[in-house]
N, C-alpha and C. Protein backbone atom coordinates (compact mmCIF):
# COMPACT_ATOMS: atom_id res chain seq x y z
N UNK A 1 94.92 97.60 84.68
CA UNK A 1 95.86 98.86 84.44
C UNK A 1 93.74 99.70 85.18
N UNK A 2 94.73 100.44 85.36
CA UNK A 2 92.94 101.80 86.36
C UNK A 2 92.87 102.41 85.59
N UNK A 3 91.73 102.92 85.60
CA UNK A 3 91.52 104.31 84.59
C UNK A 3 90.76 105.11 85.71
N UNK A 4 90.92 106.07 86.13
CA UNK A 4 90.35 107.26 86.32
C UNK A 4 89.06 107.79 85.90
N UNK A 5 88.32 108.07 85.71
CA UNK A 5 87.39 108.90 84.72
C UNK A 5 86.64 110.22 85.54
N UNK A 6 87.17 112.05 85.30
CA UNK A 6 85.97 112.69 85.92
C UNK A 6 85.27 112.70 84.71
N UNK A 7 83.75 112.89 85.59
CA UNK A 7 82.97 114.32 85.09
C UNK A 7 82.53 114.79 85.73
N UNK A 8 82.08 116.18 85.03
CA UNK A 8 81.20 117.53 85.27
C UNK A 8 80.24 117.00 85.00
N UNK A 9 79.27 117.90 85.79
CA UNK A 9 77.88 117.53 85.31
C UNK A 9 77.59 119.59 85.54
N UNK A 10 77.25 120.52 84.61
CA UNK A 10 76.90 121.17 85.39
C UNK A 10 75.65 121.64 84.33
N UNK A 11 74.87 122.60 84.93
CA UNK A 11 73.54 122.52 84.53
C UNK A 11 73.36 123.95 84.98
N UNK A 12 73.25 124.95 84.18
CA UNK A 12 73.43 126.23 84.52
C UNK A 12 72.84 127.42 83.49
N UNK A 13 72.87 128.83 83.65
CA UNK A 13 72.55 129.61 82.54
C UNK A 13 73.07 130.46 82.56
N UNK A 14 74.07 130.53 81.06
CA UNK A 14 74.84 131.05 81.08
C UNK A 14 74.11 132.73 80.04
N UNK A 15 74.88 133.33 79.97
CA UNK A 15 74.90 134.68 78.85
C UNK A 15 76.12 134.52 78.78
N UNK A 16 76.48 135.57 77.72
CA UNK A 16 77.68 135.76 77.08
C UNK A 16 78.84 135.95 77.31
N UNK A 17 78.49 136.90 78.64
CA UNK A 17 79.54 137.12 79.07
C UNK A 17 79.89 135.61 80.51
N UNK A 18 78.96 134.97 80.40
CA UNK A 18 79.45 133.34 81.22
C UNK A 18 79.24 134.37 83.32
N UNK A 19 78.10 134.59 83.06
CA UNK A 19 78.15 135.67 84.59
C UNK A 19 78.45 134.26 85.96
N UNK A 20 79.45 134.36 86.33
CA UNK A 20 78.93 133.32 88.02
C UNK A 20 77.35 133.44 88.33
N UNK A 21 76.62 134.67 88.98
CA UNK A 21 75.65 134.37 89.65
C UNK A 21 74.98 134.02 88.71
N UNK A 22 75.21 133.40 87.52
CA UNK A 22 74.21 132.74 86.56
C UNK A 22 74.19 131.69 86.95
N UNK A 23 75.27 130.84 87.99
CA UNK A 23 75.29 129.22 87.65
C UNK A 23 74.46 129.21 88.75
N UNK A 24 73.40 128.23 88.59
CA UNK A 24 72.87 127.20 89.17
C UNK A 24 73.04 125.89 90.02
N UNK A 25 73.45 125.80 89.30
CA UNK A 25 74.33 124.64 90.10
C UNK A 25 74.89 123.43 89.44
N UNK A 26 76.67 123.11 90.58
CA UNK A 26 77.59 122.31 90.12
C UNK A 26 77.70 120.93 90.76
N UNK A 27 78.08 120.38 90.04
CA UNK A 27 78.09 119.01 91.30
C UNK A 27 79.44 117.81 90.56
N UNK A 28 80.26 118.07 90.85
CA UNK A 28 81.11 116.82 90.89
C UNK A 28 81.03 115.37 90.80
N UNK A 29 81.71 114.71 89.48
CA UNK A 29 81.54 113.35 90.04
C UNK A 29 82.70 113.08 89.78
N UNK A 30 83.33 112.41 90.89
CA UNK A 30 84.43 111.18 90.02
C UNK A 30 84.20 109.80 90.37
N UNK A 31 84.81 108.88 89.28
CA UNK A 31 84.50 107.38 89.48
C UNK A 31 86.21 106.75 89.49
N UNK A 32 86.55 106.19 90.35
CA UNK A 32 87.61 104.68 90.07
C UNK A 32 87.35 104.02 89.08
N UNK A 33 87.72 103.83 87.76
CA UNK A 33 86.91 102.59 87.44
C UNK A 33 88.33 100.89 88.44
N UNK A 34 87.33 100.17 88.58
CA UNK A 34 88.02 98.73 88.57
C UNK A 34 88.85 98.33 87.24
N UNK A 35 87.97 98.19 86.01
CA UNK A 35 87.89 97.53 85.08
C UNK A 35 87.37 97.50 84.24
N UNK A 36 87.22 96.85 82.82
CA UNK A 36 85.98 96.83 82.39
C UNK A 36 85.51 95.91 82.50
N UNK A 37 85.73 95.15 83.81
CA UNK A 37 84.34 93.66 83.71
C UNK A 37 84.00 93.91 85.06
N UNK A 38 84.29 95.04 86.30
CA UNK A 38 84.39 94.96 87.30
C UNK A 38 83.69 96.55 87.64
N UNK A 39 82.80 96.05 88.43
CA UNK A 39 82.26 97.39 89.08
C UNK A 39 83.48 98.87 89.00
N UNK A 40 82.73 99.80 89.66
CA UNK A 40 83.69 100.92 90.04
C UNK A 40 82.95 101.41 91.32
N UNK A 41 83.77 102.65 92.13
CA UNK A 41 83.54 103.21 93.18
C UNK A 41 83.47 104.43 92.99
N UNK A 42 82.34 105.12 93.42
CA UNK A 42 81.34 106.70 92.34
C UNK A 42 81.29 107.06 94.02
N UNK A 43 81.99 108.65 93.84
CA UNK A 43 82.12 109.70 94.23
C UNK A 43 81.36 110.62 93.77
N UNK A 44 79.75 111.41 94.54
CA UNK A 44 79.64 112.72 93.67
C UNK A 44 79.57 113.77 95.23
N UNK A 45 80.56 114.50 94.90
CA UNK A 45 81.33 115.29 95.73
C UNK A 45 80.30 116.43 96.12
N UNK A 46 80.28 116.67 97.78
CA UNK A 46 79.28 117.81 97.77
C UNK A 46 77.54 117.83 97.04
N UNK A 47 76.66 116.58 96.61
CA UNK A 47 75.39 116.69 96.39
C UNK A 47 74.50 117.96 97.08
N UNK A 48 73.21 118.48 96.30
CA UNK A 48 72.40 119.56 96.29
C UNK A 48 71.55 118.28 97.68
N UNK A 49 70.40 119.01 98.21
CA UNK A 49 69.83 118.75 99.60
C UNK A 49 68.57 117.58 98.24
N UNK A 50 68.21 118.96 97.53
CA UNK A 50 66.95 117.61 96.88
C UNK A 50 67.31 116.42 96.76
N UNK A 51 68.87 116.43 95.66
CA UNK A 51 69.13 114.70 95.52
C UNK A 51 69.50 114.06 96.82
N UNK A 52 70.10 114.60 97.60
CA UNK A 52 70.04 113.85 99.36
C UNK A 52 68.54 112.96 99.92
N UNK A 53 66.72 113.94 99.34
CA UNK A 53 65.91 114.19 99.98
C UNK A 53 65.55 113.10 98.83
N UNK A 54 65.47 112.70 97.81
CA UNK A 54 65.32 112.41 96.67
C UNK A 54 65.77 110.50 97.09
N UNK A 55 67.08 110.67 97.64
CA UNK A 55 67.42 109.48 97.98
C UNK A 55 67.12 108.48 99.22
N UNK A 56 66.47 109.30 100.47
CA UNK A 56 66.37 109.01 101.20
C UNK A 56 67.32 109.22 102.83
N UNK A 57 68.55 109.91 101.71
CA UNK A 57 69.81 109.77 102.41
C UNK A 57 69.39 110.04 104.64
N UNK A 58 68.15 110.72 104.76
CA UNK A 58 68.31 110.98 105.86
C UNK A 58 67.78 110.51 106.71
N UNK A 59 66.86 108.96 105.73
CA UNK A 59 66.05 107.67 106.91
C UNK A 59 66.93 107.01 106.46
N UNK A 60 68.29 106.34 106.47
CA UNK A 60 68.99 105.41 106.19
C UNK A 60 69.65 105.49 108.20
N UNK A 61 69.96 104.38 108.54
CA UNK A 61 71.54 104.38 110.06
C UNK A 61 72.21 104.93 109.55
N UNK A 62 72.58 105.35 110.70
CA UNK A 62 74.20 105.89 110.98
C UNK A 62 75.28 105.13 111.33
N UNK A 63 76.61 105.30 110.36
CA UNK A 63 77.43 104.44 111.51
C UNK A 63 78.79 105.40 111.78
N UNK A 64 79.16 105.18 113.08
CA UNK A 64 80.82 106.03 112.77
C UNK A 64 81.83 105.34 112.96
N UNK A 65 82.68 105.94 112.97
CA UNK A 65 84.22 105.28 113.44
C UNK A 65 85.67 106.49 113.49
N UNK A 66 86.20 106.16 114.71
CA UNK A 66 87.49 107.39 115.07
C UNK A 66 88.70 106.33 113.35
N UNK A 67 89.54 107.79 114.37
CA UNK A 67 91.09 107.54 113.19
C UNK A 67 91.48 105.83 113.19
N UNK A 68 91.66 104.63 111.75
CA UNK A 68 91.68 104.01 111.79
C UNK A 68 92.33 103.20 110.54
N UNK A 69 92.70 102.51 110.65
CA UNK A 69 93.23 101.81 109.28
C UNK A 69 92.43 100.37 108.81
N UNK A 70 91.84 99.66 108.24
CA UNK A 70 91.32 98.37 108.20
C UNK A 70 90.89 97.28 106.98
N UNK A 71 90.84 96.77 106.46
CA UNK A 71 90.25 95.63 105.02
C UNK A 71 89.02 95.50 105.68
N UNK A 72 88.11 95.88 103.86
CA UNK A 72 86.80 95.32 104.63
C UNK A 72 86.31 94.59 102.88
N UNK A 73 85.51 94.23 102.88
CA UNK A 73 85.44 93.37 101.81
C UNK A 73 83.62 93.80 101.96
N UNK A 74 82.89 94.24 100.93
CA UNK A 74 81.95 94.43 100.23
C UNK A 74 80.68 93.59 99.62
N UNK A 75 79.75 93.02 100.56
CA UNK A 75 79.27 91.32 99.95
C UNK A 75 78.25 92.27 99.00
N UNK A 76 77.72 93.25 99.29
CA UNK A 76 76.87 94.28 98.93
C UNK A 76 77.10 95.26 98.60
N UNK A 77 76.20 96.21 97.52
CA UNK A 77 76.59 97.29 97.39
C UNK A 77 76.57 98.15 98.29
N UNK A 78 77.45 98.83 99.06
CA UNK A 78 76.06 100.15 99.75
C UNK A 78 77.02 101.54 99.51
N UNK A 79 76.03 102.43 99.39
CA UNK A 79 75.83 103.31 99.31
C UNK A 79 75.97 104.59 100.70
N UNK A 80 76.28 105.28 101.13
CA UNK A 80 76.32 106.38 102.48
C UNK A 80 76.84 107.87 101.91
N UNK A 81 76.84 108.27 102.63
CA UNK A 81 76.56 110.39 102.14
C UNK A 81 77.44 110.44 103.81
N UNK A 82 78.87 110.63 104.06
CA UNK A 82 79.19 111.44 104.96
C UNK A 82 78.92 112.53 105.31
N UNK A 83 78.93 112.41 107.07
CA UNK A 83 78.26 113.45 107.90
C UNK A 83 79.48 114.19 107.86
N UNK A 84 79.97 113.55 108.45
CA UNK A 84 81.90 114.06 108.59
C UNK A 84 82.84 113.51 108.54
N UNK A 85 84.22 114.06 108.36
CA UNK A 85 85.30 112.46 108.53
C UNK A 85 85.52 113.05 106.69
N UNK A 86 86.97 111.95 106.89
CA UNK A 86 87.07 112.31 105.33
C UNK A 86 88.43 110.46 105.26
N UNK A 87 88.10 110.28 104.67
CA UNK A 87 88.36 108.51 103.97
C UNK A 87 89.38 108.03 103.07
N UNK A 88 90.04 107.44 102.76
CA UNK A 88 90.85 106.71 101.81
C UNK A 88 90.22 105.58 101.65
N UNK A 89 90.16 105.26 100.46
CA UNK A 89 89.86 103.81 99.89
C UNK A 89 90.47 103.15 98.87
N UNK A 90 91.78 102.19 99.68
CA UNK A 90 92.32 101.62 98.20
C UNK A 90 92.07 100.37 98.35
N UNK A 91 91.91 99.72 97.27
CA UNK A 91 91.13 98.36 96.53
C UNK A 91 92.56 97.59 96.58
N UNK A 92 91.77 96.15 97.29
CA UNK A 92 93.15 95.20 97.79
C UNK A 92 94.36 94.69 96.82
N UNK A 93 93.73 94.91 95.69
CA UNK A 93 94.00 94.45 94.12
C UNK A 93 95.08 95.29 93.03
N UNK A 94 95.52 96.72 94.01
CA UNK A 94 96.37 97.45 93.73
C UNK A 94 96.30 98.46 92.60
N UNK A 95 94.71 98.74 92.26
CA UNK A 95 94.78 99.44 91.29
C UNK A 95 93.93 101.40 92.85
N UNK A 96 94.07 102.20 91.76
CA UNK A 96 93.87 103.19 92.56
C UNK A 96 93.23 103.89 93.82
N UNK A 97 93.78 104.68 94.62
CA UNK A 97 93.12 104.47 95.50
C UNK A 97 91.70 106.17 95.42
N UNK A 98 91.30 106.08 96.35
CA UNK A 98 90.17 107.40 96.47
C UNK A 98 89.40 107.99 97.58
N UNK A 99 89.74 109.08 96.97
CA UNK A 99 89.31 109.84 98.91
C UNK A 99 87.97 110.66 98.55
N UNK A 100 87.41 110.33 99.67
CA UNK A 100 85.91 111.22 99.92
C UNK A 100 86.14 111.72 101.44
N UNK A 101 85.11 112.76 101.31
CA UNK A 101 84.95 113.87 103.16
C UNK A 101 83.82 114.07 103.03
N UNK A 102 83.30 114.86 103.74
CA UNK A 102 82.15 115.31 105.21
C UNK A 102 81.51 115.95 103.90
N UNK A 103 79.98 115.06 103.73
CA UNK A 103 79.23 116.06 102.14
C UNK A 103 79.42 115.15 101.34
N UNK A 104 80.44 114.01 100.89
CA UNK A 104 80.23 113.23 99.55
C UNK A 104 79.31 112.30 99.67
N UNK A 105 78.62 112.08 98.45
CA UNK A 105 77.83 110.71 98.57
C UNK A 105 79.01 109.66 97.95
N UNK A 106 78.99 108.74 98.39
CA UNK A 106 79.47 107.38 97.70
C UNK A 106 79.26 106.09 98.26
N UNK A 107 79.36 105.34 96.27
CA UNK A 107 78.66 103.74 96.16
C UNK A 107 79.73 103.11 96.18
N UNK A 108 79.87 101.52 97.08
CA UNK A 108 80.88 100.83 96.96
C UNK A 108 79.89 99.67 96.31
N UNK A 109 80.91 98.61 95.00
CA UNK A 109 80.10 98.12 94.67
C UNK A 109 80.06 96.29 95.44
N UNK A 110 79.23 95.54 95.08
CA UNK A 110 78.98 94.39 95.86
C UNK A 110 80.16 93.71 95.37
N UNK A 111 81.27 93.13 96.24
CA UNK A 111 82.43 91.85 95.61
C UNK A 111 83.48 93.42 95.56
N UNK A 112 83.68 94.59 95.88
CA UNK A 112 85.34 95.07 96.28
C UNK A 112 85.28 94.54 97.27
N UNK A 113 87.17 94.52 97.87
CA UNK A 113 87.92 94.48 98.73
C UNK A 113 88.85 95.01 98.64
N UNK A 114 88.52 95.93 99.76
CA UNK A 114 89.68 97.57 100.21
C UNK A 114 90.29 97.40 101.26
N UNK A 115 90.95 98.42 101.29
CA UNK A 115 91.17 98.99 102.75
C UNK A 115 90.70 100.57 102.77
N UNK A 116 90.33 100.22 104.11
CA UNK A 116 90.09 101.92 104.94
C UNK A 116 90.76 102.37 105.40
N UNK A 117 90.88 104.00 105.45
CA UNK A 117 92.20 104.33 106.35
C UNK A 117 91.33 105.68 105.96
N UNK A 118 91.13 106.22 107.42
CA UNK A 118 90.47 107.33 107.83
C UNK A 118 90.80 107.98 108.63
N UNK A 119 90.99 108.81 107.66
CA UNK A 119 92.80 110.16 108.36
C UNK A 119 91.26 110.71 109.42
N UNK A 120 90.18 111.30 108.76
CA UNK A 120 89.33 111.62 110.14
C UNK A 120 88.13 111.21 110.48
N UNK A 121 87.81 111.21 112.10
CA UNK A 121 87.08 110.60 112.67
C UNK A 121 85.16 110.20 111.88
N UNK A 122 84.57 109.31 111.03
CA UNK A 122 83.39 109.23 110.57
C UNK A 122 82.15 108.96 111.36
N UNK A 123 81.60 109.65 110.43
CA UNK A 123 79.97 109.06 111.11
C UNK A 123 79.03 109.69 109.32
N UNK A 124 78.42 108.60 108.88
CA UNK A 124 78.08 108.24 107.79
C UNK A 124 76.85 107.83 107.94
N UNK A 125 75.42 108.06 107.00
CA UNK A 125 74.82 107.90 106.39
C UNK A 125 74.64 106.64 105.74
N UNK A 126 74.15 105.22 105.65
CA UNK A 126 74.49 103.93 104.91
C UNK A 126 73.30 103.34 104.64
N UNK A 127 73.17 102.65 103.46
CA UNK A 127 72.78 101.56 103.15
C UNK A 127 72.95 100.90 101.94
N UNK A 128 72.45 99.36 102.56
CA UNK A 128 73.40 98.02 101.49
C UNK A 128 72.38 97.53 100.60
N UNK A 129 72.18 97.44 99.04
CA UNK A 129 71.59 97.30 98.74
C UNK A 129 71.83 95.14 98.03
């Protein structure tokens, strides 16, 4: 059985009226749980520049591909930051798909076999660990 969990991280200063202009930052983190014993795909939607600089993303190599569909297996953990494009990744064991797009920061666990469905041409910074 797959489990999709969504975590909202809100770092904000609110007045009693919850003034919108007082919100400092909002980050959405979506996690696709592979199973209780397997690692998970993690998508951080639209992280801020400070987060990306701290991770060293802009020093990572760049890879890209056109619209396509192909199988892939991760022998190492990969972290990537999408510069452009839109992708749906479906684990090969039939569990739920995860989607991500330009501006998202994604981590794929070692051992994951999946199918990449590139909906819009992709360019991404990437790093294997």
